[in-house]
């Protein structure tokens, strides 16, 4: 878990993603631990109380010319869709969303509906995504960052395993 989390943050740092915010999820626990423990020099983490607040914070950082990441579980996608569709996607404010895919496999029942429809929701609002391949973390991150840099719009890295 920890080595995958470190590899994700290290790979994102190579692309100058040093500002993180978000709402914890157990699948992303390793990333949150690394961020809370300040494992990486010059990487900053600001906890958020809700996903839409995290998108707002990350958007401000993006508008200041910095690259930012929002961490959330897929249920949080519903909370921040209005912010994404009425701000980020209209004004091309690029942020990277790291979304855990709860309900992808057997999970708590409250994740069943969003787990089955998450990719449909992202497609419906034209948010590009890349599903993380733990066997090749750098390629997955390079791909989503290339999309983000090309489109100048929000894009998502989907994580379906514990990292």
Protein backbone atom coordinates (compact mmCIF):
# COMPACT_ATOMS: atom_id res chain seq x y z
CA UNK A 1 0.00 0.00 0.00
CA UNK A 2 2.61 2.54 1.04
CA UNK A 3 4.92 1.94 -1.92
CA UNK A 4 2.01 2.45 -4.35
CA UNK A 5 1.00 5.63 -2.55
CA UNK A 6 4.54 6.95 -2.64
CA UNK A 7 4.86 6.04 -6.31
CA UNK A 8 1.65 7.93 -7.13
CA UNK A 9 2.72 11.08 -5.30
CA UNK A 10 6.27 10.84 -6.68
CA UNK A 11 4.96 10.48 -10.22
CA UNK A 12 2.59 13.41 -9.80
CA UNK A 13 5.37 15.52 -8.28
CA UNK A 14 7.42 14.95 -11.46
CA UNK A 15 4.58 16.74 -13.25
CA UNK A 16 4.63 19.54 -10.64
CA UNK A 17 1.47 18.45 -8.84
CA UNK A 18 2.34 19.58 -5.34
CA UNK A 19 -0.95 20.90 -3.98
CA UNK A 20 -3.40 18.33 -2.61
CA UNK A 21 -6.76 18.61 -0.95
CA UNK A 22 -9.66 16.27 -0.46
CA UNK A 23 -11.88 14.18 1.72
CA UNK A 24 -10.49 10.88 3.04
CA UNK A 25 -11.49 7.47 1.69
CA UNK A 26 -10.24 4.13 3.00
CA UNK A 27 -9.09 3.04 -0.49
CA UNK A 28 -6.86 6.15 -0.64
CA UNK A 29 -5.65 5.79 2.94
CA UNK A 30 -2.01 5.36 1.96
CA UNK A 31 -1.95 8.58 -0.06
CA UNK A 32 -3.57 10.50 2.78
CA UNK A 33 -1.04 9.08 5.26
CA UNK A 34 1.88 10.16 3.08
CA UNK A 35 0.41 13.64 2.70
CA UNK A 36 -0.45 14.02 6.39
CA UNK A 37 3.03 12.83 7.37
CA UNK A 38 4.65 15.34 5.00
CA UNK A 39 6.69 12.57 3.41
CA UNK A 40 7.45 14.62 0.31
CA UNK A 41 9.31 17.91 0.42
CA UNK A 42 7.40 20.85 -1.05
CA UNK A 43 4.14 18.87 -1.30
CA UNK A 44 1.30 20.52 0.56
CA UNK A 45 -1.97 19.00 1.75
CA UNK A 46 -5.05 20.84 2.95
CA UNK A 47 -7.87 18.67 4.31
CA UNK A 48 -11.35 19.61 3.10
CA UNK A 49 -14.68 19.20 4.82
CA UNK A 50 -16.56 18.38 1.60
CA UNK A 51 -15.59 17.50 -1.95
CA UNK A 52 -17.07 20.66 -3.46
CA UNK A 53 -14.98 22.71 -1.03
CA UNK A 54 -11.91 20.76 -2.13
CA UNK A 55 -12.68 21.50 -5.79
CA UNK A 56 -12.98 25.20 -4.93
CA UNK A 57 -9.68 25.21 -3.08
CA UNK A 58 -7.89 23.31 -5.84
CA UNK A 59 -9.41 25.60 -8.47
CA UNK A 60 -8.03 28.65 -6.69
CA UNK A 61 -4.63 27.08 -6.61
CA UNK A 62 -4.93 26.25 -10.31
CA UNK A 63 -5.91 29.82 -11.13
CA UNK A 64 -2.76 30.98 -9.34
CA UNK A 65 -0.75 28.99 -11.87
CA UNK A 66 -0.14 25.88 -9.81
CA UNK A 67 -1.19 22.30 -10.39
CA UNK A 68 -3.59 20.76 -7.91
CA UNK A 69 -5.13 17.44 -6.98
CA UNK A 70 -8.47 16.67 -5.34
CA UNK A 71 -8.76 13.31 -3.58
CA UNK A 72 -12.22 11.84 -3.04
CA UNK A 73 -14.25 8.68 -3.12
CA UNK A 74 -16.76 8.36 -5.92
CA UNK A 75 -19.70 9.31 -3.71
CA UNK A 76 -18.04 12.72 -3.45
CA UNK A 77 -18.26 13.13 -7.20
CA UNK A 78 -21.98 13.75 -6.74
CA UNK A 79 -21.27 16.49 -4.20
CA UNK A 80 -18.97 18.40 -6.53
CA UNK A 81 -20.64 17.92 -9.93
CA UNK A 82 -22.28 21.34 -9.75
CA UNK A 83 -18.95 23.07 -9.08
CA UNK A 84 -17.24 21.11 -11.83
CA UNK A 85 -19.97 21.67 -14.43
CA UNK A 86 -20.75 25.29 -13.59
CA UNK A 87 -17.18 26.49 -13.08
CA UNK A 88 -14.26 24.24 -13.96
CA UNK A 89 -15.67 22.82 -17.18
CA UNK A 90 -17.04 26.15 -18.40
CA UNK A 91 -13.96 28.25 -17.66
CA UNK A 92 -11.40 25.52 -18.36
CA UNK A 93 -9.90 25.48 -14.87
CA UNK A 94 -7.82 22.32 -14.88
CA UNK A 95 -7.61 20.21 -11.75
CA UNK A 96 -6.77 16.57 -11.33
CA UNK A 97 -9.37 14.47 -9.55
CA UNK A 98 -8.19 11.28 -7.90
CA UNK A 99 -11.35 9.27 -7.34
CA UNK A 100 -11.56 5.95 -5.53
CA UNK A 101 -13.91 3.54 -7.25
CA UNK A 102 -16.02 2.27 -4.40
CA UNK A 103 -18.56 -0.32 -5.50
CA UNK A 104 -16.35 -1.55 -8.34
CA UNK A 105 -16.34 -4.95 -6.68
CA UNK A 106 -18.15 -6.25 -3.62
CA UNK A 107 -18.37 -3.33 -1.22
CA UNK A 108 -20.73 -1.75 1.28
CA UNK A 109 -24.20 -1.50 -0.21
CA UNK A 110 -24.20 2.32 -0.23
CA UNK A 111 -21.53 2.20 -2.95
CA UNK A 112 -23.46 -0.06 -5.35
CA UNK A 113 -25.29 2.59 -7.40
CA UNK A 114 -22.46 5.11 -7.76
CA UNK A 115 -20.00 2.28 -8.32
CA UNK A 116 -21.95 1.01 -11.31
CA UNK A 117 -22.57 4.46 -12.81
CA UNK A 118 -19.41 6.42 -12.03
CA UNK A 119 -17.82 6.14 -15.48
CA UNK A 120 -21.18 6.96 -17.11
CA UNK A 121 -21.38 10.11 -14.97
CA UNK A 122 -17.85 11.18 -15.93
CA UNK A 123 -18.62 10.54 -19.60
CA UNK A 124 -21.92 12.46 -19.35
CA UNK A 125 -20.13 15.62 -18.19
CA UNK A 126 -17.09 15.13 -20.47
CA UNK A 127 -14.53 14.56 -17.75
CA UNK A 128 -11.76 12.43 -19.20
CA UNK A 129 -10.39 9.71 -16.97
CA UNK A 130 -7.68 7.12 -16.69
CA UNK A 131 -8.01 4.01 -14.56
CA UNK A 132 -4.82 3.52 -12.54
CA UNK A 133 -2.78 0.45 -13.47
CA UNK A 134 -0.86 -0.44 -10.33
CA UNK A 135 1.56 -2.41 -12.51
CA UNK A 136 2.49 0.77 -14.36
CA UNK A 137 1.71 3.78 -12.21
CA UNK A 138 3.90 6.21 -14.17
CA UNK A 139 2.18 5.42 -17.48
CA UNK A 140 -1.29 5.85 -15.95
CA UNK A 141 -0.33 9.20 -14.46
CA UNK A 142 1.49 10.34 -17.60
CA UNK A 143 -1.66 9.58 -19.58
CA UNK A 144 -4.08 11.50 -17.36
CA UNK A 145 -1.67 14.44 -17.04
CA UNK A 146 -1.23 14.54 -20.85
CA UNK A 147 -5.02 14.67 -21.20
CA UNK A 148 -5.26 17.42 -18.63
CA UNK A 149 -2.48 19.44 -20.25
CA UNK A 150 -3.98 19.03 -23.71
CA UNK A 151 -7.58 19.81 -22.81
CA UNK A 152 -6.90 22.33 -19.99
CA UNK A 153 -9.92 20.82 -18.27
CA UNK A 154 -10.51 18.68 -15.20
CA UNK A 155 -9.54 15.04 -15.62
CA UNK A 156 -9.76 12.07 -13.29
CA UNK A 157 -7.47 9.27 -12.21
CA UNK A 158 -9.65 6.38 -11.04
CA UNK A 159 -8.27 4.10 -8.34
CA UNK A 160 -10.08 0.83 -7.68
CA UNK A 161 -7.59 -0.77 -5.26
CA UNK A 162 -6.24 0.09 -1.84
CA UNK A 163 -3.25 2.36 -2.23
